[in-house]
Amino acid sequence: PVLAALGRAGDEAGLVPLIIALGDRARSVREAAILALA
């Protein structure tokens, strides 16, 4: 849910955490990061 909120914030300051989360072990977290980046 934090990643989803970072995507919704529309603030570039959230970009690096989203990219890092693409490598998370959990599929649910990776998919949340993908949705948030888009």
PDB file of all heavy atoms in Angstrom:
ATOM      1  N   PRO A   1       0.805  -1.219   0.000  1.00  0.00           N
ATOM      2  CA  PRO A   1       0.000   0.000   0.000  1.00  0.00           C
ATOM      3  C   PRO A   1       0.843   1.276   0.000  1.00  0.00           C
ATOM      4  O   PRO A   1       0.419   2.298  -0.553  1.00  0.00           O
ATOM      5  CB  PRO A   1      -0.839  -0.115   1.282  1.00  0.00           C
ATOM      6  CG  PRO A   1      -0.132  -1.087   2.139  1.00  0.00           C
ATOM      7  CD  PRO A   1       0.523  -2.039   1.202  1.00  0.00           C
ATOM      8  N   VAL A   2       2.041   1.242   0.605  1.00  0.00           N
ATOM      9  CA  VAL A   2       2.902   2.424   0.573  1.00  0.00           C
ATOM     10  C   VAL A   2       3.343   2.710  -0.857  1.00  0.00           C
ATOM     11  O   VAL A   2       3.345   3.861  -1.310  1.00  0.00           O
ATOM     12  CB  VAL A   2       4.123   2.235   1.497  1.00  0.00           C
ATOM     13  CG1 VAL A   2       5.148   3.343   1.269  1.00  0.00           C
ATOM     14  CG2 VAL A   2       3.690   2.241   2.957  1.00  0.00           C
ATOM     15  N   LEU A   3       3.708   1.669  -1.595  1.00  0.00           N
ATOM     16  CA  LEU A   3       4.121   1.859  -2.983  1.00  0.00           C
ATOM     17  C   LEU A   3       2.974   2.415  -3.825  1.00  0.00           C
ATOM     18  O   LEU A   3       3.179   3.300  -4.664  1.00  0.00           O
ATOM     19  CB  LEU A   3       4.608   0.532  -3.565  1.00  0.00           C
ATOM     20  CG  LEU A   3       5.902  -0.021  -2.950  1.00  0.00           C
ATOM     21  CD1 LEU A   3       6.143  -1.445  -3.429  1.00  0.00           C
ATOM     22  CD2 LEU A   3       7.090   0.871  -3.273  1.00  0.00           C
ATOM     23  N   ALA A   4       1.768   1.899  -3.599  1.00  0.00           N
ATOM     24  CA  ALA A   4       0.605   2.431  -4.325  1.00  0.00           C
ATOM     25  C   ALA A   4       0.429   3.917  -4.039  1.00  0.00           C
ATOM     26  O   ALA A   4       0.147   4.712  -4.942  1.00  0.00           O
ATOM     27  CB  ALA A   4      -0.655   1.649  -3.939  1.00  0.00           C
ATOM     28  N   ALA A   5       0.625   4.306  -2.775  1.00  0.00           N
ATOM     29  CA  ALA A   5       0.492   5.717  -2.405  1.00  0.00           C
ATOM     30  C   ALA A   5       1.602   6.564  -3.015  1.00  0.00           C
ATOM     31  O   ALA A   5       1.379   7.711  -3.403  1.00  0.00           O
ATOM     32  CB  ALA A   5       0.498   5.845  -0.882  1.00  0.00           C
ATOM     33  N   LEU A   6       2.809   6.015  -3.123  1.00  0.00           N
ATOM     34  CA  LEU A   6       3.911   6.755  -3.759  1.00  0.00           C
ATOM     35  C   LEU A   6       3.604   7.018  -5.230  1.00  0.00           C
ATOM     36  O   LEU A   6       3.909   8.092  -5.753  1.00  0.00           O
ATOM     37  CB  LEU A   6       5.213   5.960  -3.639  1.00  0.00           C
ATOM     38  CG  LEU A   6       5.913   6.003  -2.270  1.00  0.00           C
ATOM     39  CD1 LEU A   6       7.059   4.999  -2.235  1.00  0.00           C
ATOM     40  CD2 LEU A   6       6.426   7.413  -1.965  1.00  0.00           C
ATOM     41  N   GLY A   7       3.014   6.049  -5.904  1.00  0.00           N
ATOM     42  CA  GLY A   7       2.636   6.272  -7.290  1.00  0.00           C
ATOM     43  C   GLY A   7       1.573   7.340  -7.416  1.00  0.00           C
ATOM     44  O   GLY A   7       1.635   8.208  -8.290  1.00  0.00           O
ATOM     45  N   ARG A   8       0.607   7.299  -6.528  1.00  0.00           N
ATOM     46  CA  ARG A   8      -0.487   8.265  -6.577  1.00  0.00           C
ATOM     47  C   ARG A   8      -0.009   9.671  -6.230  1.00  0.00           C
ATOM     48  O   ARG A   8      -0.607  10.660  -6.654  1.00  0.00           O
ATOM     49  CB  ARG A   8      -1.598   7.829  -5.614  1.00  0.00           C
ATOM     50  CG  ARG A   8      -2.845   8.691  -5.684  1.00  0.00           C
ATOM     51  CD  ARG A   8      -3.988   8.090  -4.909  1.00  0.00           C
ATOM     52  NE  ARG A   8      -4.484   6.903  -5.598  1.00  0.00           N
ATOM     53  CZ  ARG A   8      -4.245   5.666  -5.228  1.00  0.00           C
ATOM     54  NH1 ARG A   8      -3.512   5.430  -4.156  1.00  0.00           N
ATOM     55  NH2 ARG A   8      -4.717   4.647  -5.905  1.00  0.00           N
ATOM     56  N   ALA A   9       1.072   9.785  -5.455  1.00  0.00           N
ATOM     57  CA  ALA A   9       1.559  11.105  -5.050  1.00  0.00           C
ATOM     58  C   ALA A   9       2.007  11.930  -6.245  1.00  0.00           C
ATOM     59  O   ALA A   9       1.968  13.168  -6.209  1.00  0.00           O
ATOM     60  CB  ALA A   9       2.718  10.943  -4.064  1.00  0.00           C
ATOM     61  N   GLY A  10       2.437  11.259  -7.329  1.00  0.00           N
ATOM     62  CA  GLY A  10       2.860  11.998  -8.515  1.00  0.00           C
ATOM     63  C   GLY A  10       4.108  12.820  -8.294  1.00  0.00           C
ATOM     64  O   GLY A  10       4.362  13.784  -9.017  1.00  0.00           O
ATOM     65  N   ASP A  11       4.917  12.456  -7.293  1.00  0.00           N
ATOM     66  CA  ASP A  11       6.115  13.210  -6.915  1.00  0.00           C
ATOM     67  C   ASP A  11       7.345  12.394  -7.275  1.00  0.00           C
ATOM     68  O   ASP A  11       7.487  11.235  -6.859  1.00  0.00           O
ATOM     69  CB  ASP A  11       6.074  13.490  -5.402  1.00  0.00           C
ATOM     70  CG  ASP A  11       7.149  14.453  -4.944  1.00  0.00           C
ATOM     71  OD1 ASP A  11       8.246  14.444  -5.542  1.00  0.00           O
ATOM     72  OD2 ASP A  11       6.895  15.191  -3.974  1.00  0.00           O
ATOM     73  N   GLU A  12       8.253  13.003  -8.019  1.00  0.00           N
ATOM     74  CA  GLU A  12       9.467  12.297  -8.437  1.00  0.00           C
ATOM     75  C   GLU A  12      10.293  11.785  -7.259  1.00  0.00           C
ATOM     76  O   GLU A  12      11.094  10.862  -7.413  1.00  0.00           O
ATOM     77  CB  GLU A  12      10.347  13.204  -9.279  1.00  0.00           C
ATOM     78  CG  GLU A  12       9.793  13.524 -10.644  1.00  0.00           C
ATOM     79  CD  GLU A  12      10.662  14.532 -11.357  1.00  0.00           C
ATOM     80  OE1 GLU A  12      11.734  14.155 -11.878  1.00  0.00           O
ATOM     81  OE2 GLU A  12      10.277  15.720 -11.382  1.00  0.00           O
ATOM     82  N   ALA A  13      10.115  12.381  -6.094  1.00  0.00           N
ATOM     83  CA  ALA A  13      10.885  11.927  -4.934  1.00  0.00           C
ATOM     84  C   ALA A  13      10.575  10.478  -4.578  1.00  0.00           C
ATOM     85  O   ALA A  13      11.352   9.827  -3.885  1.00  0.00           O
ATOM     86  CB  ALA A  13      10.599  12.828  -3.731  1.00  0.00           C
ATOM     87  N   GLY A  14       9.457   9.964  -5.063  1.00  0.00           N
ATOM     88  CA  GLY A  14       9.108   8.573  -4.792  1.00  0.00           C
ATOM     89  C   GLY A  14       9.642   7.603  -5.828  1.00  0.00           C
ATOM     90  O   GLY A  14       9.439   6.391  -5.699  1.00  0.00           O
ATOM     91  N   LEU A  15      10.339   8.101  -6.852  1.00  0.00           N
ATOM     92  CA  LEU A  15      10.747   7.235  -7.962  1.00  0.00           C
ATOM     93  C   LEU A  15      11.781   6.187  -7.542  1.00  0.00           C
ATOM     94  O   LEU A  15      11.641   5.006  -7.868  1.00  0.00           O
ATOM     95  CB  LEU A  15      11.293   8.099  -9.100  1.00  0.00           C
ATOM     96  CG  LEU A  15      11.797   7.358 -10.332  1.00  0.00           C
ATOM     97  CD1 LEU A  15      10.683   6.499 -10.936  1.00  0.00           C
ATOM     98  CD2 LEU A  15      12.323   8.351 -11.370  1.00  0.00           C
ATOM     99  N   VAL A  16      12.825   6.603  -6.845  1.00  0.00           N
ATOM    100  CA  VAL A  16      13.891   5.658  -6.482  1.00  0.00           C
ATOM    101  C   VAL A  16      13.362   4.507  -5.628  1.00  0.00           C
ATOM    102  O   VAL A  16      13.657   3.339  -5.910  1.00  0.00           O
ATOM    103  CB  VAL A  16      15.055   6.394  -5.794  1.00  0.00           C
ATOM    104  CG1 VAL A  16      16.075   5.394  -5.240  1.00  0.00           C
ATOM    105  CG2 VAL A  16      15.736   7.338  -6.780  1.00  0.00           C
ATOM    106  N   PRO A  17      12.575   4.768  -4.583  1.00  0.00           N
ATOM    107  CA  PRO A  17      12.022   3.632  -3.821  1.00  0.00           C
ATOM    108  C   PRO A  17      11.185   2.678  -4.679  1.00  0.00           C
ATOM    109  O   PRO A  17      11.189   1.465  -4.451  1.00  0.00           O
ATOM    110  CB  PRO A  17      11.163   4.297  -2.744  1.00  0.00           C
ATOM    111  CG  PRO A  17      11.710   5.673  -2.604  1.00  0.00           C
ATOM    112  CD  PRO A  17      12.208   6.056  -3.955  1.00  0.00           C
ATOM    113  N   LEU A  18      10.483   3.221  -5.678  1.00  0.00           N
ATOM    114  CA  LEU A  18       9.682   2.365  -6.545  1.00  0.00           C
ATOM    115  C   LEU A  18      10.571   1.466  -7.400  1.00  0.00           C
ATOM    116  O   LEU A  18      10.284   0.276  -7.582  1.00  0.00           O
ATOM    117  CB  LEU A  18       8.779   3.218  -7.447  1.00  0.00           C
ATOM    118  CG  LEU A  18       7.651   3.971  -6.746  1.00  0.00           C
ATOM    119  CD1 LEU A  18       6.897   4.837  -7.746  1.00  0.00           C
ATOM    120  CD2 LEU A  18       6.690   3.025  -6.064  1.00  0.00           C
ATOM    121  N   ILE A  19      11.648   2.023  -7.929  1.00  0.00           N
ATOM    122  CA  ILE A  19      12.563   1.220  -8.746  1.00  0.00           C
ATOM    123  C   ILE A  19      13.221   0.142  -7.895  1.00  0.00           C
ATOM    124  O   ILE A  19      13.349  -1.020  -8.312  1.00  0.00           O
ATOM    125  CB  ILE A  19      13.611   2.125  -9.417  1.00  0.00           C
ATOM    126  CG1 ILE A  19      12.927   3.027 -10.461  1.00  0.00           C
ATOM    127  CG2 ILE A  19      14.702   1.291 -10.083  1.00  0.00           C
ATOM    128  CD1 ILE A  19      13.833   4.059 -11.082  1.00  0.00           C
ATOM    129  N   ILE A  20      13.631   0.517  -6.688  1.00  0.00           N
ATOM    130  CA  ILE A  20      14.256  -0.468  -5.790  1.00  0.00           C
ATOM    131  C   ILE A  20      13.277  -1.604  -5.488  1.00  0.00           C
ATOM    132  O   ILE A  20      13.650  -2.783  -5.449  1.00  0.00           O
ATOM    133  CB  ILE A  20      14.710   0.211  -4.485  1.00  0.00           C
ATOM    134  CG1 ILE A  20      15.880   1.168  -4.788  1.00  0.00           C
ATOM    135  CG2 ILE A  20      15.108  -0.815  -3.435  1.00  0.00           C
ATOM    136  CD1 ILE A  20      16.274   2.039  -3.615  1.00  0.00           C
ATOM    137  N   ALA A  21      12.007  -1.256  -5.316  1.00  0.00           N
ATOM    138  CA  ALA A  21      11.002  -2.272  -4.954  1.00  0.00           C
ATOM    139  C   ALA A  21      10.745  -3.267  -6.071  1.00  0.00           C
ATOM    140  O   ALA A  21      10.187  -4.341  -5.833  1.00  0.00           O
ATOM    141  CB  ALA A  21       9.696  -1.586  -4.554  1.00  0.00           C
ATOM    142  N   LEU A  22      11.147  -2.945  -7.304  1.00  0.00           N
ATOM    143  CA  LEU A  22      10.993  -3.914  -8.395  1.00  0.00           C
ATOM    144  C   LEU A  22      11.806  -5.176  -8.146  1.00  0.00           C
ATOM    145  O   LEU A  22      11.522  -6.231  -8.721  1.00  0.00           O
ATOM    146  CB  LEU A  22      11.428  -3.283  -9.727  1.00  0.00           C
ATOM    147  CG  LEU A  22      10.529  -2.186 -10.287  1.00  0.00           C
ATOM    148  CD1 LEU A  22      11.176  -1.568 -11.512  1.00  0.00           C
ATOM    149  CD2 LEU A  22       9.152  -2.729 -10.630  1.00  0.00           C
ATOM    150  N   GLY A  23      12.818  -5.079  -7.281  1.00  0.00           N
ATOM    151  CA  GLY A  23      13.632  -6.252  -6.956  1.00  0.00           C
ATOM    152  C   GLY A  23      13.226  -6.941  -5.674  1.00  0.00           C
ATOM    153  O   GLY A  23      13.958  -7.827  -5.199  1.00  0.00           O
ATOM    154  N   ASP A  24      12.083  -6.586  -5.099  1.00  0.00           N
ATOM    155  CA  ASP A  24      11.650  -7.199  -3.842  1.00  0.00           C
ATOM    156  C   ASP A  24      11.377  -8.693  -4.029  1.00  0.00           C
ATOM    157  O   ASP A  24      10.992  -9.157  -5.104  1.00  0.00           O
ATOM    158  CB  ASP A  24      10.377  -6.504  -3.345  1.00  0.00           C
ATOM    159  CG  ASP A  24      10.109  -6.756  -1.879  1.00  0.00           C
ATOM    160  OD1 ASP A  24       9.531  -7.824  -1.564  1.00  0.00           O
ATOM    161  OD2 ASP A  24      10.483  -5.915  -1.056  1.00  0.00           O
ATOM    162  N   ARG A  25      11.585  -9.460  -2.968  1.00  0.00           N
ATOM    163  CA  ARG A  25      11.353 -10.910  -3.031  1.00  0.00           C
ATOM    164  C   ARG A  25       9.883 -11.250  -3.237  1.00  0.00           C
ATOM    165  O   ARG A  25       9.553 -12.263  -3.859  1.00  0.00           O
ATOM    166  CB  ARG A  25      11.839 -11.566  -1.737  1.00  0.00           C
ATOM    167  CG  ARG A  25      13.345 -11.526  -1.542  1.00  0.00           C
ATOM    168  CD  ARG A  25      13.701 -12.214  -0.233  1.00  0.00           C
ATOM    169  NE  ARG A  25      15.134 -12.181   0.029  1.00  0.00           N
ATOM    170  CZ  ARG A  25      15.694 -12.702   1.092  1.00  0.00           C
ATOM    171  NH1 ARG A  25      14.933 -13.307   2.010  1.00  0.00           N
ATOM    172  NH2 ARG A  25      17.004 -12.635   1.269  1.00  0.00           N
ATOM    173  N   ALA A  26       9.006 -10.429  -2.687  1.00  0.00           N
ATOM    174  CA  ALA A  26       7.579 -10.747  -2.722  1.00  0.00           C
ATOM    175  C   ALA A  26       6.961 -10.293  -4.043  1.00  0.00           C
ATOM    176  O   ALA A  26       7.096  -9.126  -4.443  1.00  0.00           O
ATOM    177  CB  ALA A  26       6.856 -10.074  -1.558  1.00  0.00           C
ATOM    178  N   ARG A  27       6.259 -11.193  -4.689  1.00  0.00           N
ATOM    179  CA  ARG A  27       5.611 -10.854  -5.965  1.00  0.00           C
ATOM    180  C   ARG A  27       4.606  -9.717  -5.779  1.00  0.00           C
ATOM    181  O   ARG A  27       4.506  -8.821  -6.631  1.00  0.00           O
ATOM    182  CB  ARG A  27       4.919 -12.095  -6.531  1.00  0.00           C
ATOM    183  CG  ARG A  27       4.089 -11.819  -7.767  1.00  0.00           C
ATOM    184  CD  ARG A  27       3.504 -13.076  -8.352  1.00  0.00           C
ATOM    185  NE  ARG A  27       2.537 -12.774  -9.400  1.00  0.00           N
ATOM    186  CZ  ARG A  27       1.987 -13.672 -10.203  1.00  0.00           C
ATOM    187  NH1 ARG A  27       2.325 -14.951 -10.084  1.00  0.00           N
ATOM    188  NH2 ARG A  27       1.111 -13.326 -11.123  1.00  0.00           N
ATOM    189  N   SER A  28       3.852  -9.751  -4.676  1.00  0.00           N
ATOM    190  CA  SER A  28       2.846  -8.706  -4.455  1.00  0.00           C
ATOM    191  C   SER A  28       3.487  -7.326  -4.382  1.00  0.00           C
ATOM    192  O   SER A  28       2.919  -6.338  -4.860  1.00  0.00           O
ATOM    193  CB  SER A  28       2.058  -8.984  -3.177  1.00  0.00           C
ATOM    194  OG  SER A  28       2.918  -8.985  -2.052  1.00  0.00           O
ATOM    195  N   VAL A  29       4.684  -7.257  -3.796  1.00  0.00           N
ATOM    196  CA  VAL A  29       5.381  -5.973  -3.689  1.00  0.00           C
ATOM    197  C   VAL A  29       5.908  -5.556  -5.058  1.00  0.00           C
ATOM    198  O   VAL A  29       5.799  -4.384  -5.447  1.00  0.00           O
ATOM    199  CB  VAL A  29       6.522  -6.067  -2.659  1.00  0.00           C
ATOM    200  CG1 VAL A  29       7.335  -4.779  -2.638  1.00  0.00           C
ATOM    201  CG2 VAL A  29       5.958  -6.359  -1.268  1.00  0.00           C
ATOM    202  N   ARG A  30       6.482  -6.491  -5.801  1.00  0.00           N
ATOM    203  CA  ARG A  30       6.977  -6.163  -7.148  1.00  0.00           C
ATOM    204  C   ARG A  30       5.844  -5.644  -8.023  1.00  0.00           C
ATOM    205  O   ARG A  30       5.998  -4.650  -8.750  1.00  0.00           O
ATOM    206  CB  ARG A  30       7.614  -7.392  -7.797  1.00  0.00           C
ATOM    207  CG  ARG A  30       8.866  -7.895  -7.103  1.00  0.00           C
ATOM    208  CD  ARG A  30       9.636  -8.873  -7.990  1.00  0.00           C
ATOM    209  NE  ARG A  30       8.856 -10.022  -8.395  1.00  0.00           N
ATOM    210  CZ  ARG A  30       8.765 -11.155  -7.707  1.00  0.00           C
ATOM    211  NH1 ARG A  30       9.386 -11.269  -6.536  1.00  0.00           N
ATOM    212  NH2 ARG A  30       8.063 -12.172  -8.164  1.00  0.00           N
ATOM    213  N   GLU A  31       4.703  -6.315  -7.968  1.00  0.00           N
ATOM    214  CA  GLU A  31       3.580  -5.893  -8.806  1.00  0.00           C
ATOM    215  C   GLU A  31       3.039  -4.540  -8.352  1.00  0.00           C
ATOM    216  O   GLU A  31       2.636  -3.716  -9.194  1.00  0.00           O
ATOM    217  CB  GLU A  31       2.491  -6.962  -8.789  1.00  0.00           C
ATOM    218  CG  GLU A  31       2.923  -8.239  -9.505  1.00  0.00           C
ATOM    219  CD  GLU A  31       1.815  -9.264  -9.625  1.00  0.00           C
ATOM    220  OE1 GLU A  31       0.787  -9.116  -8.917  1.00  0.00           O
ATOM    221  OE2 GLU A  31       1.958 -10.209 -10.419  1.00  0.00           O
ATOM    222  N   ALA A  32       3.038  -4.299  -7.036  1.00  0.00           N
ATOM    223  CA  ALA A  32       2.616  -2.983  -6.542  1.00  0.00           C
ATOM    224  C   ALA A  32       3.557  -1.893  -7.053  1.00  0.00           C
ATOM    225  O   ALA A  32       3.117  -0.787  -7.410  1.00  0.00           O
ATOM    226  CB  ALA A  32       2.582  -2.981  -5.017  1.00  0.00           C
ATOM    227  N   ALA A  33       4.864  -2.199  -7.106  1.00  0.00           N
ATOM    228  CA  ALA A  33       5.835  -1.222  -7.622  1.00  0.00           C
ATOM    229  C   ALA A  33       5.604  -0.959  -9.106  1.00  0.00           C
ATOM    230  O   ALA A  33       5.710   0.191  -9.571  1.00  0.00           O
ATOM    231  CB  ALA A  33       7.249  -1.730  -7.378  1.00  0.00           C
ATOM    232  N   ILE A  34       5.294  -1.997  -9.875  1.00  0.00           N
ATOM    233  CA  ILE A  34       5.033  -1.825 -11.309  1.00  0.00           C
ATOM    234  C   ILE A  34       3.811  -0.932 -11.519  1.00  0.00           C
ATOM    235  O   ILE A  34       3.830   0.019 -12.313  1.00  0.00           O
ATOM    236  CB  ILE A  34       4.823  -3.201 -11.972  1.00  0.00           C
ATOM    237  CG1 ILE A  34       6.134  -3.992 -11.963  1.00  0.00           C
ATOM    238  CG2 ILE A  34       4.312  -3.045 -13.403  1.00  0.00           C
ATOM    239  CD1 ILE A  34       5.977  -5.461 -12.341  1.00  0.00           C
ATOM    240  N   LEU A  35       2.734  -1.237 -10.797  1.00  0.00           N
ATOM    241  CA  LEU A  35       1.521  -0.419 -10.901  1.00  0.00           C
ATOM    242  C   LEU A  35       1.794   1.022 -10.502  1.00  0.00           C
ATOM    243  O   LEU A  35       1.317   1.972 -11.142  1.00  0.00           O
ATOM    244  CB  LEU A  35       0.420  -1.019 -10.017  1.00  0.00           C
ATOM    245  CG  LEU A  35      -0.208  -2.323 -10.505  1.00  0.00           C
ATOM    246  CD1 LEU A  35      -0.964  -2.998  -9.372  1.00  0.00           C
ATOM    247  CD2 LEU A  35      -1.149  -2.048 -11.675  1.00  0.00           C
ATOM    248  N   ALA A  36       2.581   1.202  -9.444  1.00  0.00           N
ATOM    249  CA  ALA A  36       2.855   2.550  -8.944  1.00  0.00           C
ATOM    250  C   ALA A  36       3.731   3.337  -9.912  1.00  0.00           C
ATOM    251  O   ALA A  36       3.532   4.544 -10.095  1.00  0.00           O
ATOM    252  CB  ALA A  36       3.515   2.465  -7.572  1.00  0.00           C
ATOM    253  N   LEU A  37       4.713   2.677 -10.529  1.00  0.00           N
ATOM    254  CA  LEU A  37       5.557   3.373 -11.515  1.00  0.00           C
ATOM    255  C   LEU A  37       4.725   3.868 -12.693  1.00  0.00           C
ATOM    256  O   LEU A  37       4.891   5.005 -13.159  1.00  0.00           O
ATOM    257  CB  LEU A  37       6.653   2.432 -12.015  1.00  0.00           C
ATOM    258  CG  LEU A  37       7.967   2.430 -11.239  1.00  0.00           C
ATOM    259  CD1 LEU A  37       8.857   1.295 -11.715  1.00  0.00           C
ATOM    260  CD2 LEU A  37       8.683   3.764 -11.413  1.00  0.00           C
ATOM    261  N   ALA A  38       3.841   3.023 -13.178  1.00  0.00           N
ATOM    262  CA  ALA A  38       2.968   3.443 -14.276  1.00  0.00           C
ATOM    263  C   ALA A  38       2.080   4.600 -13.844  1.00  0.00           C
ATOM    264  O   ALA A  38       1.870   5.562 -14.601  1.00  0.00           O
ATOM    265  CB  ALA A  38       2.122   2.262 -14.747  1.00  0.00           C
TER     266      ALA A  38
END
